[in-house]
Amino acid sequence: IFKYQAENCKVYHDFITGLNINPGNINS
């Protein structure tokens, strides 16, 4: 669900991008 929302929820995507986090590196 995280990977889906990181891609499809614009607010969440922008928030993650602003933290300089790559969703592909999230494993836990």
PDB file of all heavy atoms in Angstrom:
ATOM      1  N   ILE A   1       0.835  -1.201   0.000  1.00  0.00           N
ATOM      2  CA  ILE A   1       0.000   0.000   0.000  1.00  0.00           C
ATOM      3  C   ILE A   1       0.872   1.253   0.000  1.00  0.00           C
ATOM      4  O   ILE A   1       0.559   2.244  -0.678  1.00  0.00           O
ATOM      5  CB  ILE A   1      -0.967  -0.012   1.196  1.00  0.00           C
ATOM      6  CG1 ILE A   1      -2.032  -1.104   0.989  1.00  0.00           C
ATOM      7  CG2 ILE A   1      -1.631   1.346   1.395  1.00  0.00           C
ATOM      8  CD1 ILE A   1      -2.991  -1.274   2.148  1.00  0.00           C
ATOM      9  N   PHE A   2       1.985   1.208   0.730  1.00  0.00           N
ATOM     10  CA  PHE A   2       2.896   2.357   0.730  1.00  0.00           C
ATOM     11  C   PHE A   2       3.376   2.674  -0.683  1.00  0.00           C
ATOM     12  O   PHE A   2       3.328   3.832  -1.121  1.00  0.00           O
ATOM     13  CB  PHE A   2       4.105   2.103   1.634  1.00  0.00           C
ATOM     14  CG  PHE A   2       5.222   3.077   1.372  1.00  0.00           C
ATOM     15  CD1 PHE A   2       5.104   4.412   1.768  1.00  0.00           C
ATOM     16  CD2 PHE A   2       6.358   2.686   0.679  1.00  0.00           C
ATOM     17  CE1 PHE A   2       6.109   5.325   1.481  1.00  0.00           C
ATOM     18  CE2 PHE A   2       7.369   3.596   0.399  1.00  0.00           C
ATOM     19  CZ  PHE A   2       7.242   4.920   0.804  1.00  0.00           C
ATOM     20  N   LYS A   3       3.832   1.667  -1.391  1.00  0.00           N
ATOM     21  CA  LYS A   3       4.354   1.903  -2.745  1.00  0.00           C
ATOM     22  C   LYS A   3       3.253   2.434  -3.669  1.00  0.00           C
ATOM     23  O   LYS A   3       3.495   3.317  -4.497  1.00  0.00           O
ATOM     24  CB  LYS A   3       4.981   0.624  -3.292  1.00  0.00           C
ATOM     25  CG  LYS A   3       6.313   0.276  -2.602  1.00  0.00           C
ATOM     26  CD  LYS A   3       6.967  -0.947  -3.191  1.00  0.00           C
ATOM     27  CE  LYS A   3       8.418  -1.078  -2.730  1.00  0.00           C
ATOM     28  NZ  LYS A   3       8.612  -1.059  -1.297  1.00  0.00           N
ATOM     29  N   TYR A   4       2.041   1.919  -3.511  1.00  0.00           N
ATOM     30  CA  TYR A   4       0.915   2.395  -4.310  1.00  0.00           C
ATOM     31  C   TYR A   4       0.605   3.866  -3.990  1.00  0.00           C
ATOM     32  O   TYR A   4       0.435   4.695  -4.908  1.00  0.00           O
ATOM     33  CB  TYR A   4      -0.318   1.523  -4.037  1.00  0.00           C
ATOM     34  CG  TYR A   4      -1.596   2.068  -4.612  1.00  0.00           C
ATOM     35  CD1 TYR A   4      -1.862   1.983  -5.973  1.00  0.00           C
ATOM     36  CD2 TYR A   4      -2.533   2.696  -3.788  1.00  0.00           C
ATOM     37  CE1 TYR A   4      -3.043   2.501  -6.504  1.00  0.00           C
ATOM     38  CE2 TYR A   4      -3.707   3.215  -4.310  1.00  0.00           C
ATOM     39  CZ  TYR A   4      -3.960   3.117  -5.670  1.00  0.00           C
ATOM     40  OH  TYR A   4      -5.113   3.642  -6.188  1.00  0.00           O
ATOM     41  N   GLN A   5       0.547   4.203  -2.703  1.00  0.00           N
ATOM     42  CA  GLN A   5       0.187   5.566  -2.325  1.00  0.00           C
ATOM     43  C   GLN A   5       1.312   6.560  -2.593  1.00  0.00           C
ATOM     44  O   GLN A   5       1.055   7.718  -2.931  1.00  0.00           O
ATOM     45  CB  GLN A   5      -0.248   5.602  -0.856  1.00  0.00           C
ATOM     46  CG  GLN A   5      -1.549   4.848  -0.623  1.00  0.00           C
ATOM     47  CD  GLN A   5      -2.026   4.863   0.804  1.00  0.00           C
ATOM     48  OE1 GLN A   5      -1.258   5.139   1.740  1.00  0.00           O
ATOM     49  NE2 GLN A   5      -3.300   4.566   1.019  1.00  0.00           N
ATOM     50  N   ALA A   6       2.559   6.104  -2.476  1.00  0.00           N
ATOM     51  CA  ALA A   6       3.691   6.972  -2.791  1.00  0.00           C
ATOM     52  C   ALA A   6       3.664   7.395  -4.251  1.00  0.00           C
ATOM     53  O   ALA A   6       4.136   8.480  -4.617  1.00  0.00           O
ATOM     54  CB  ALA A   6       5.002   6.254  -2.475  1.00  0.00           C
ATOM     55  N   GLU A   7       3.070   6.576  -5.077  1.00  0.00           N
ATOM     56  CA  GLU A   7       2.983   6.873  -6.510  1.00  0.00           C
ATOM     57  C   GLU A   7       1.689   7.594  -6.874  1.00  0.00           C
ATOM     58  O   GLU A   7       1.687   8.482  -7.737  1.00  0.00           O
ATOM     59  CB  GLU A   7       3.080   5.573  -7.310  1.00  0.00           C
ATOM     60  CG  GLU A   7       3.056   5.763  -8.822  1.00  0.00           C
ATOM     61  CD  GLU A   7       3.240   4.468  -9.590  1.00  0.00           C
ATOM     62  OE1 GLU A   7       3.758   3.486  -8.996  1.00  0.00           O
ATOM     63  OE2 GLU A   7       2.867   4.428 -10.773  1.00  0.00           O
ATOM     64  N   ASN A   8       0.591   7.241  -6.205  1.00  0.00           N
ATOM     65  CA  ASN A   8      -0.727   7.716  -6.645  1.00  0.00           C
ATOM     66  C   ASN A   8      -1.333   8.828  -5.802  1.00  0.00           C
ATOM     67  O   ASN A   8      -2.309   9.453  -6.236  1.00  0.00           O
ATOM     68  CB  ASN A   8      -1.698   6.540  -6.691  1.00  0.00           C
ATOM     69  CG  ASN A   8      -1.352   5.560  -7.791  1.00  0.00           C
ATOM     70  OD1 ASN A   8      -1.638   5.809  -8.959  1.00  0.00           O
ATOM     71  ND2 ASN A   8      -0.710   4.444  -7.436  1.00  0.00           N
ATOM     72  N   CYS A   9      -0.818   9.057  -4.609  1.00  0.00           N
ATOM     73  CA  CYS A   9      -1.321  10.157  -3.778  1.00  0.00           C
ATOM     74  C   CYS A   9      -0.369  11.340  -3.936  1.00  0.00           C
ATOM     75  O   CYS A   9       0.756  11.315  -3.426  1.00  0.00           O
ATOM     76  CB  CYS A   9      -1.406   9.736  -2.311  1.00  0.00           C
ATOM     77  SG  CYS A   9      -1.987  11.051  -1.210  1.00  0.00           S
ATOM     78  N   LYS A  10      -0.805  12.369  -4.662  1.00  0.00           N
ATOM     79  CA  LYS A  10       0.093  13.483  -4.989  1.00  0.00           C
ATOM     80  C   LYS A  10       0.654  14.165  -3.740  1.00  0.00           C
ATOM     81  O   LYS A  10       1.853  14.477  -3.666  1.00  0.00           O
ATOM     82  CB  LYS A  10      -0.628  14.513  -5.858  1.00  0.00           C
ATOM     83  CG  LYS A  10       0.304  15.634  -6.337  1.00  0.00           C
ATOM     84  CD  LYS A  10      -0.403  16.644  -7.200  1.00  0.00           C
ATOM     85  CE  LYS A  10       0.577  17.674  -7.758  1.00  0.00           C
ATOM     86  NZ  LYS A  10       1.446  18.296  -6.754  1.00  0.00           N
ATOM     87  N   VAL A  11      -0.202  14.406  -2.763  1.00  0.00           N
ATOM     88  CA  VAL A  11       0.259  15.065  -1.534  1.00  0.00           C
ATOM     89  C   VAL A  11       1.347  14.227  -0.859  1.00  0.00           C
ATOM     90  O   VAL A  11       2.385  14.747  -0.445  1.00  0.00           O
ATOM     91  CB  VAL A  11      -0.923  15.276  -0.559  1.00  0.00           C
ATOM     92  CG1 VAL A  11      -0.439  15.884   0.747  1.00  0.00           C
ATOM     93  CG2 VAL A  11      -1.984  16.148  -1.193  1.00  0.00           C
ATOM     94  N   TYR A  12       1.100  12.942  -0.766  1.00  0.00           N
ATOM     95  CA  TYR A  12       2.062  12.041  -0.111  1.00  0.00           C
ATOM     96  C   TYR A  12       3.334  11.933  -0.953  1.00  0.00           C
ATOM     97  O   TYR A  12       4.445  11.953  -0.411  1.00  0.00           O
ATOM     98  CB  TYR A  12       1.414  10.674   0.096  1.00  0.00           C
ATOM     99  CG  TYR A  12       2.157   9.747   1.020  1.00  0.00           C
ATOM    100  CD1 TYR A  12       2.812  10.204   2.155  1.00  0.00           C
ATOM    101  CD2 TYR A  12       2.170   8.365   0.777  1.00  0.00           C
ATOM    102  CE1 TYR A  12       3.471   9.341   3.012  1.00  0.00           C
ATOM    103  CE2 TYR A  12       2.833   7.493   1.622  1.00  0.00           C
ATOM    104  CZ  TYR A  12       3.477   7.983   2.736  1.00  0.00           C
ATOM    105  OH  TYR A  12       4.134   7.112   3.577  1.00  0.00           O
ATOM    106  N   HIS A  13       3.169  11.831  -2.269  1.00  0.00           N
ATOM    107  CA  HIS A  13       4.322  11.763  -3.170  1.00  0.00           C
ATOM    108  C   HIS A  13       5.216  12.995  -2.999  1.00  0.00           C
ATOM    109  O   HIS A  13       6.442  12.883  -2.873  1.00  0.00           O
ATOM    110  CB  HIS A  13       3.843  11.657  -4.622  1.00  0.00           C
ATOM    111  CG  HIS A  13       4.935  11.751  -5.629  1.00  0.00           C
ATOM    112  ND1 HIS A  13       5.712  10.669  -6.013  1.00  0.00           N
ATOM    113  CD2 HIS A  13       5.422  12.818  -6.334  1.00  0.00           C
ATOM    114  CE1 HIS A  13       6.603  11.057  -6.902  1.00  0.00           C
ATOM    115  NE2 HIS A  13       6.448  12.356  -7.116  1.00  0.00           N
ATOM    116  N   ASP A  14       4.589  14.170  -2.990  1.00  0.00           N
ATOM    117  CA  ASP A  14       5.364  15.407  -2.842  1.00  0.00           C
ATOM    118  C   ASP A  14       6.033  15.484  -1.478  1.00  0.00           C
ATOM    119  O   ASP A  14       7.161  15.986  -1.351  1.00  0.00           O
ATOM    120  CB  ASP A  14       4.450  16.624  -3.053  1.00  0.00           C
ATOM    121  CG  ASP A  14       3.961  16.745  -4.491  1.00  0.00           C
ATOM    122  OD1 ASP A  14       4.493  16.033  -5.368  1.00  0.00           O
ATOM    123  OD2 ASP A  14       3.034  17.553  -4.729  1.00  0.00           O
ATOM    124  N   PHE A  15       5.340  15.012  -0.442  1.00  0.00           N
ATOM    125  CA  PHE A  15       5.910  15.006   0.912  1.00  0.00           C
ATOM    126  C   PHE A  15       7.157  14.112   0.964  1.00  0.00           C
ATOM    127  O   PHE A  15       8.205  14.511   1.498  1.00  0.00           O
ATOM    128  CB  PHE A  15       4.853  14.516   1.902  1.00  0.00           C
ATOM    129  CG  PHE A  15       5.340  14.354   3.315  1.00  0.00           C
ATOM    130  CD1 PHE A  15       5.641  15.457   4.100  1.00  0.00           C
ATOM    131  CD2 PHE A  15       5.487  13.087   3.880  1.00  0.00           C
ATOM    132  CE1 PHE A  15       6.088  15.304   5.412  1.00  0.00           C
ATOM    133  CE2 PHE A  15       5.934  12.928   5.182  1.00  0.00           C
ATOM    134  CZ  PHE A  15       6.232  14.033   5.950  1.00  0.00           C
ATOM    135  N   ILE A  16       7.043  12.929   0.393  1.00  0.00           N
ATOM    136  CA  ILE A  16       8.170  11.989   0.378  1.00  0.00           C
ATOM    137  C   ILE A  16       9.334  12.563  -0.426  1.00  0.00           C
ATOM    138  O   ILE A  16      10.502  12.485  -0.011  1.00  0.00           O
ATOM    139  CB  ILE A  16       7.718  10.629  -0.206  1.00  0.00           C
ATOM    140  CG1 ILE A  16       6.710   9.963   0.733  1.00  0.00           C
ATOM    141  CG2 ILE A  16       8.911   9.700  -0.438  1.00  0.00           C
ATOM    142  CD1 ILE A  16       5.989   8.777   0.120  1.00  0.00           C
ATOM    143  N   THR A  17       9.013  13.155  -1.573  1.00  0.00           N
ATOM    144  CA  THR A  17      10.049  13.770  -2.413  1.00  0.00           C
ATOM    145  C   THR A  17      10.761  14.888  -1.654  1.00  0.00           C
ATOM    146  O   THR A  17      11.986  15.031  -1.727  1.00  0.00           O
ATOM    147  CB  THR A  17       9.427  14.333  -3.707  1.00  0.00           C
ATOM    148  OG1 THR A  17       8.772  13.266  -4.409  1.00  0.00           O
ATOM    149  CG2 THR A  17      10.486  14.951  -4.603  1.00  0.00           C
ATOM    150  N   GLY A  18       9.970  15.678  -0.901  1.00  0.00           N
ATOM    151  CA  GLY A  18      10.553  16.765  -0.125  1.00  0.00           C
ATOM    152  C   GLY A  18      11.503  16.278   0.956  1.00  0.00           C
ATOM    153  O   GLY A  18      12.419  17.009   1.359  1.00  0.00           O
ATOM    154  N   LEU A  19      11.288  15.052   1.410  1.00  0.00           N
ATOM    155  CA  LEU A  19      12.193  14.461   2.411  1.00  0.00           C
ATOM    156  C   LEU A  19      13.411  13.810   1.750  1.00  0.00           C
ATOM    157  O   LEU A  19      14.278  13.266   2.451  1.00  0.00           O
ATOM    158  CB  LEU A  19      11.447  13.406   3.236  1.00  0.00           C
ATOM    159  CG  LEU A  19      10.321  13.909   4.156  1.00  0.00           C
ATOM    160  CD1 LEU A  19       9.578  12.736   4.787  1.00  0.00           C
ATOM    161  CD2 LEU A  19      10.883  14.827   5.243  1.00  0.00           C
ATOM    162  N   ASN A  20      13.425  13.862   0.407  1.00  0.00           N
ATOM    163  CA  ASN A  20      14.520  13.247  -0.356  1.00  0.00           C
ATOM    164  C   ASN A  20      14.600  11.742  -0.104  1.00  0.00           C
ATOM    165  O   ASN A  20      15.688  11.172   0.039  1.00  0.00           O
ATOM    166  CB  ASN A  20      15.860  13.925  -0.026  1.00  0.00           C
ATOM    167  CG  ASN A  20      16.897  13.688  -1.108  1.00  0.00           C
ATOM    168  OD1 ASN A  20      16.552  13.485  -2.276  1.00  0.00           O
ATOM    169  ND2 ASN A  20      18.165  13.679  -0.727  1.00  0.00           N
ATOM    170  N   ILE A  21      13.412  11.116  -0.038  1.00  0.00           N
ATOM    171  CA  ILE A  21      13.331   9.670   0.182  1.00  0.00           C
ATOM    172  C   ILE A  21      12.901   8.989  -1.111  1.00  0.00           C
ATOM    173  O   ILE A  21      11.980   9.454  -1.791  1.00  0.00           O
ATOM    174  CB  ILE A  21      12.330   9.354   1.308  1.00  0.00           C
ATOM    175  CG1 ILE A  21      12.887   9.820   2.662  1.00  0.00           C
ATOM    176  CG2 ILE A  21      12.002   7.857   1.357  1.00  0.00           C
ATOM    177  CD1 ILE A  21      11.905   9.683   3.816  1.00  0.00           C
ATOM    178  N   ASN A  22      13.578   7.928  -1.467  1.00  0.00           N
ATOM    179  CA  ASN A  22      13.228   7.130  -2.637  1.00  0.00           C
ATOM    180  C   ASN A  22      12.317   5.986  -2.184  1.00  0.00           C
ATOM    181  O   ASN A  22      12.761   5.103  -1.445  1.00  0.00           O
ATOM    182  CB  ASN A  22      14.490   6.573  -3.300  1.00  0.00           C
ATOM    183  CG  ASN A  22      14.188   5.731  -4.533  1.00  0.00           C
ATOM    184  OD1 ASN A  22      13.020   5.450  -4.843  1.00  0.00           O
ATOM    185  ND2 ASN A  22      15.230   5.336  -5.246  1.00  0.00           N
ATOM    186  N   PRO A  23      11.039   5.975  -2.600  1.00  0.00           N
ATOM    187  CA  PRO A  23      10.125   4.915  -2.165  1.00  0.00           C
ATOM    188  C   PRO A  23      10.647   3.511  -2.468  1.00  0.00           C
ATOM    189  O   PRO A  23      10.332   2.560  -1.737  1.00  0.00           O
ATOM    190  CB  PRO A  23       8.844   5.206  -2.961  1.00  0.00           C
ATOM    191  CG  PRO A  23       8.895   6.659  -3.257  1.00  0.00           C
ATOM    192  CD  PRO A  23      10.357   6.964  -3.466  1.00  0.00           C
ATOM    193  N   GLY A  24      11.429   3.373  -3.515  1.00  0.00           N
ATOM    194  CA  GLY A  24      11.985   2.067  -3.874  1.00  0.00           C
ATOM    195  C   GLY A  24      12.957   1.521  -2.843  1.00  0.00           C
ATOM    196  O   GLY A  24      13.247   0.317  -2.834  1.00  0.00           O
ATOM    197  N   ASN A  25      13.441   2.401  -1.968  1.00  0.00           N
ATOM    198  CA  ASN A  25      14.397   1.963  -0.936  1.00  0.00           C
ATOM    199  C   ASN A  25      13.723   1.608   0.392  1.00  0.00           C
ATOM    200  O   ASN A  25      14.403   1.256   1.353  1.00  0.00           O
ATOM    201  CB  ASN A  25      15.437   3.054  -0.686  1.00  0.00           C
ATOM    202  CG  ASN A  25      16.324   3.298  -1.891  1.00  0.00           C
ATOM    203  OD1 ASN A  25      16.522   2.382  -2.715  1.00  0.00           O
ATOM    204  ND2 ASN A  25      16.854   4.507  -2.031  1.00  0.00           N
ATOM    205  N   ILE A  26      12.392   1.710   0.439  1.00  0.00           N
ATOM    206  CA  ILE A  26      11.657   1.408   1.675  1.00  0.00           C
ATOM    207  C   ILE A  26      11.367  -0.093   1.716  1.00  0.00           C
ATOM    208  O   ILE A  26      10.624  -0.621   0.889  1.00  0.00           O
ATOM    209  CB  ILE A  26      10.342   2.205   1.746  1.00  0.00           C
ATOM    210  CG1 ILE A  26      10.610   3.708   1.673  1.00  0.00           C
ATOM    211  CG2 ILE A  26       9.569   1.844   3.008  1.00  0.00           C
ATOM    212  CD1 ILE A  26      11.376   4.280   2.829  1.00  0.00           C
ATOM    213  N   ASN A  27      11.938  -0.767   2.690  1.00  0.00           N
ATOM    214  CA  ASN A  27      11.790  -2.222   2.795  1.00  0.00           C
ATOM    215  C   ASN A  27      11.217  -2.681   4.129  1.00  0.00           C
ATOM    216  O   ASN A  27      11.084  -3.883   4.366  1.00  0.00           O
ATOM    217  CB  ASN A  27      13.144  -2.904   2.565  1.00  0.00           C
ATOM    218  CG  ASN A  27      13.711  -2.591   1.193  1.00  0.00           C
ATOM    219  OD1 ASN A  27      13.035  -2.799   0.181  1.00  0.00           O
ATOM    220  ND2 ASN A  27      14.936  -2.071   1.149  1.00  0.00           N
ATOM    221  N   SER A  28      10.905  -1.740   5.012  1.00  0.00           N
ATOM    222  CA  SER A  28      10.331  -2.101   6.314  1.00  0.00           C
ATOM    223  C   SER A  28       9.381  -1.004   6.758  1.00  0.00           C
ATOM    224  O   SER A  28       9.472   0.147   6.293  1.00  0.00           O
ATOM    225  CB  SER A  28      11.424  -2.298   7.373  1.00  0.00           C
ATOM    226  OG  SER A  28      11.997  -1.045   7.727  1.00  0.00           O
TER     227      SER A  28
END
